[in-house]
Amino acid sequence: MNLDNIKKKIYELKDEKLKIKVNLGRNKYEYLEGKIEKIHPNLFTIQTNKGLKSFTYSDVVTKVIVISKFN
């Protein structure tokens, strides 16, 4: 996927309840729940159960974070 496709997918997921898996390195992961708050040209912010977090679109490309809809 390229960055334009990722930006479109992120925009489609705005205001939906999401599950986020963040790779912290060394086989450590953080699991969050939240909603996409704001979308900017280079990054987006997610309001989670642990506060506001910001991520770049390249984080999604490199799989530092994995976003999925909450069922």
N, C-alpha and C. Protein backbone atom coordinates (compact mmCIF):
# COMPACT_ATOMS: atom_id res chain seq x y z
N MET A 1 0.83 -1.19 0.00
CA MET A 1 0.00 0.00 0.00
C MET A 1 0.87 1.25 0.00
N ASN A 2 0.43 2.24 -0.70
CA ASN A 2 1.16 3.50 -0.67
C ASN A 2 0.48 4.48 0.29
N LEU A 3 1.11 5.61 0.50
CA LEU A 3 0.61 6.56 1.50
C LEU A 3 -0.76 7.14 1.14
N ASP A 4 -1.03 7.32 -0.16
CA ASP A 4 -2.34 7.87 -0.54
C ASP A 4 -3.46 6.91 -0.18
N ASN A 5 -3.24 5.61 -0.39
CA ASN A 5 -4.26 4.62 -0.02
C ASN A 5 -4.46 4.58 1.49
N ILE A 6 -3.38 4.68 2.23
CA ILE A 6 -3.46 4.66 3.69
C ILE A 6 -4.24 5.87 4.19
N LYS A 7 -3.97 7.05 3.62
CA LYS A 7 -4.69 8.25 4.04
C LYS A 7 -6.19 8.12 3.79
N LYS A 8 -6.56 7.52 2.65
CA LYS A 8 -7.98 7.31 2.34
C LYS A 8 -8.61 6.35 3.35
N LYS A 9 -7.92 5.27 3.69
CA LYS A 9 -8.44 4.29 4.65
C LYS A 9 -8.60 4.92 6.03
N ILE A 10 -7.61 5.72 6.44
CA ILE A 10 -7.69 6.40 7.74
C ILE A 10 -8.88 7.35 7.76
N TYR A 11 -9.08 8.09 6.67
CA TYR A 11 -10.20 9.01 6.61
C TYR A 11 -11.53 8.27 6.69
N GLU A 12 -11.62 7.08 6.08
CA GLU A 12 -12.84 6.28 6.14
C GLU A 12 -13.11 5.76 7.55
N LEU A 13 -12.07 5.54 8.33
CA LEU A 13 -12.22 5.01 9.69
C LEU A 13 -12.48 6.08 10.74
N LYS A 14 -12.49 7.34 10.33
CA LYS A 14 -12.68 8.43 11.30
C LYS A 14 -14.04 8.28 11.99
N ASP A 15 -14.06 8.52 13.29
CA ASP A 15 -15.25 8.46 14.14
C ASP A 15 -15.80 7.05 14.32
N GLU A 16 -15.04 6.01 13.99
CA GLU A 16 -15.45 4.64 14.26
C GLU A 16 -14.62 4.11 15.43
N LYS A 17 -15.20 3.20 16.18
CA LYS A 17 -14.49 2.60 17.31
C LYS A 17 -13.46 1.62 16.76
N LEU A 18 -12.20 1.77 17.20
CA LEU A 18 -11.10 1.01 16.63
C LEU A 18 -10.30 0.28 17.70
N LYS A 19 -9.65 -0.81 17.27
CA LYS A 19 -8.66 -1.50 18.07
C LYS A 19 -7.31 -1.20 17.45
N ILE A 20 -6.35 -0.81 18.26
CA ILE A 20 -5.02 -0.43 17.77
C ILE A 20 -3.98 -1.29 18.48
N LYS A 21 -3.10 -1.88 17.69
CA LYS A 21 -1.99 -2.67 18.22
C LYS A 21 -0.71 -1.90 17.88
N VAL A 22 0.03 -1.48 18.90
CA VAL A 22 1.24 -0.69 18.70
C VAL A 22 2.45 -1.56 19.02
N ASN A 23 3.37 -1.66 18.06
CA ASN A 23 4.60 -2.42 18.26
C ASN A 23 5.61 -1.52 18.96
N LEU A 24 5.98 -1.88 20.19
CA LEU A 24 6.93 -1.10 20.97
C LEU A 24 8.36 -1.59 20.80
N GLY A 25 8.55 -2.65 20.03
CA GLY A 25 9.88 -3.20 19.82
C GLY A 25 10.18 -4.32 20.81
N ARG A 26 11.13 -5.16 20.46
CA ARG A 26 11.55 -6.29 21.30
C ARG A 26 10.38 -7.15 21.74
N ASN A 27 9.51 -7.46 20.79
CA ASN A 27 8.34 -8.31 21.02
C ASN A 27 7.42 -7.79 22.12
N LYS A 28 7.32 -6.47 22.24
CA LYS A 28 6.41 -5.84 23.19
C LYS A 28 5.34 -5.09 22.40
N TYR A 29 4.10 -5.25 22.83
CA TYR A 29 2.98 -4.61 22.15
C TYR A 29 2.10 -3.91 23.16
N GLU A 30 1.45 -2.85 22.70
CA GLU A 30 0.46 -2.14 23.50
C GLU A 30 -0.86 -2.21 22.73
N TYR A 31 -1.92 -2.58 23.42
CA TYR A 31 -3.23 -2.69 22.80
C TYR A 31 -4.11 -1.57 23.30
N LEU A 32 -4.71 -0.83 22.36
CA LEU A 32 -5.51 0.34 22.71
C LEU A 32 -6.87 0.25 22.02
N GLU A 33 -7.83 0.99 22.55
CA GLU A 33 -9.13 1.18 21.92
C GLU A 33 -9.34 2.68 21.80
N GLY A 34 -9.93 3.11 20.69
CA GLY A 34 -10.18 4.54 20.55
C GLY A 34 -10.78 4.91 19.22
N LYS A 35 -10.82 6.20 18.97
CA LYS A 35 -11.36 6.77 17.73
C LYS A 35 -10.37 7.76 17.16
N ILE A 36 -10.34 7.85 15.84
CA ILE A 36 -9.48 8.83 15.18
C ILE A 36 -10.07 10.21 15.43
N GLU A 37 -9.27 11.07 16.03
CA GLU A 37 -9.73 12.39 16.44
C GLU A 37 -9.56 13.41 15.30
N LYS A 38 -8.33 13.58 14.84
CA LYS A 38 -8.02 14.55 13.80
C LYS A 38 -7.10 13.93 12.76
N ILE A 39 -7.23 14.43 11.53
CA ILE A 39 -6.39 13.95 10.44
C ILE A 39 -5.65 15.15 9.87
N HIS A 40 -4.33 15.07 9.85
CA HIS A 40 -3.47 16.13 9.33
C HIS A 40 -2.71 15.58 8.12
N PRO A 41 -2.04 16.44 7.35
CA PRO A 41 -1.32 15.97 6.15
C PRO A 41 -0.23 14.93 6.44
N ASN A 42 0.46 15.03 7.58
CA ASN A 42 1.56 14.12 7.85
C ASN A 42 1.31 13.14 8.99
N LEU A 43 0.25 13.37 9.76
CA LEU A 43 -0.04 12.47 10.89
C LEU A 43 -1.52 12.51 11.21
N PHE A 44 -1.92 11.60 12.09
CA PHE A 44 -3.29 11.58 12.57
C PHE A 44 -3.26 11.30 14.07
N THR A 45 -4.29 11.74 14.77
CA THR A 45 -4.34 11.55 16.21
C THR A 45 -5.51 10.63 16.56
N ILE A 46 -5.29 9.82 17.59
CA ILE A 46 -6.31 8.88 18.06
C ILE A 46 -6.54 9.14 19.54
N GLN A 47 -7.81 9.36 19.88
CA GLN A 47 -8.19 9.49 21.28
C GLN A 47 -8.41 8.08 21.81
N THR A 48 -7.55 7.64 22.73
CA THR A 48 -7.60 6.28 23.24
C THR A 48 -8.04 6.27 24.70
N ASN A 49 -8.15 5.06 25.22
CA ASN A 49 -8.48 4.91 26.63
C ASN A 49 -7.32 5.34 27.52
N LYS A 50 -6.14 5.58 26.94
CA LYS A 50 -4.97 6.03 27.70
C LYS A 50 -4.55 7.45 27.32
N GLY A 51 -5.41 8.18 26.64
CA GLY A 51 -5.09 9.56 26.26
C GLY A 51 -4.95 9.72 24.75
N LEU A 52 -4.54 10.90 24.35
CA LEU A 52 -4.39 11.22 22.94
C LEU A 52 -3.03 10.75 22.44
N LYS A 53 -3.04 10.00 21.34
CA LYS A 53 -1.81 9.48 20.74
C LYS A 53 -1.75 9.96 19.29
N SER A 54 -0.55 10.24 18.81
CA SER A 54 -0.39 10.64 17.41
C SER A 54 0.51 9.64 16.69
N PHE A 55 0.17 9.39 15.43
CA PHE A 55 0.90 8.45 14.60
C PHE A 55 1.05 9.02 13.20
N THR A 56 2.08 8.60 12.50
CA THR A 56 2.26 9.00 11.11
C THR A 56 1.72 7.91 10.20
N TYR A 57 1.51 8.28 8.95
CA TYR A 57 1.02 7.30 7.98
C TYR A 57 2.08 6.23 7.70
N SER A 58 3.34 6.60 7.82
CA SER A 58 4.40 5.61 7.61
C SER A 58 4.42 4.58 8.74
N ASP A 59 3.90 4.92 9.92
CA ASP A 59 3.76 3.93 10.99
C ASP A 59 2.83 2.79 10.55
N VAL A 60 1.81 3.13 9.79
CA VAL A 60 0.89 2.12 9.28
C VAL A 60 1.56 1.28 8.20
N VAL A 61 2.31 1.94 7.30
CA VAL A 61 3.00 1.23 6.21
C VAL A 61 4.02 0.25 6.76
N THR A 62 4.78 0.66 7.78
CA THR A 62 5.83 -0.18 8.34
C THR A 62 5.31 -1.11 9.44
N LYS A 63 3.99 -1.08 9.66
CA LYS A 63 3.32 -1.94 10.62
C LYS A 63 3.79 -1.73 12.06
N VAL A 64 4.18 -0.50 12.37
CA VAL A 64 4.42 -0.14 13.76
C VAL A 64 3.09 -0.14 14.50
N ILE A 65 2.01 0.28 13.79
CA ILE A 65 0.67 0.16 14.36
C ILE A 65 -0.21 -0.60 13.38
N VAL A 66 -1.13 -1.35 13.93
CA VAL A 66 -2.12 -2.08 13.14
C VAL A 66 -3.48 -1.63 13.66
N ILE A 67 -4.32 -1.15 12.74
CA ILE A 67 -5.64 -0.61 13.10
C ILE A 67 -6.71 -1.53 12.53
N SER A 68 -7.68 -1.86 13.36
CA SER A 68 -8.80 -2.66 12.89
C SER A 68 -10.09 -2.14 13.55
N LYS A 69 -11.22 -2.40 12.89
CA LYS A 69 -12.51 -1.97 13.44
C LYS A 69 -12.84 -2.82 14.66
N PHE A 70 -13.51 -2.20 15.60
CA PHE A 70 -13.94 -2.88 16.82
C PHE A 70 -15.25 -3.58 16.54
N ASN A 71 -15.33 -4.86 16.84
CA ASN A 71 -16.57 -5.62 16.59
C ASN A 71 -17.37 -5.78 17.86
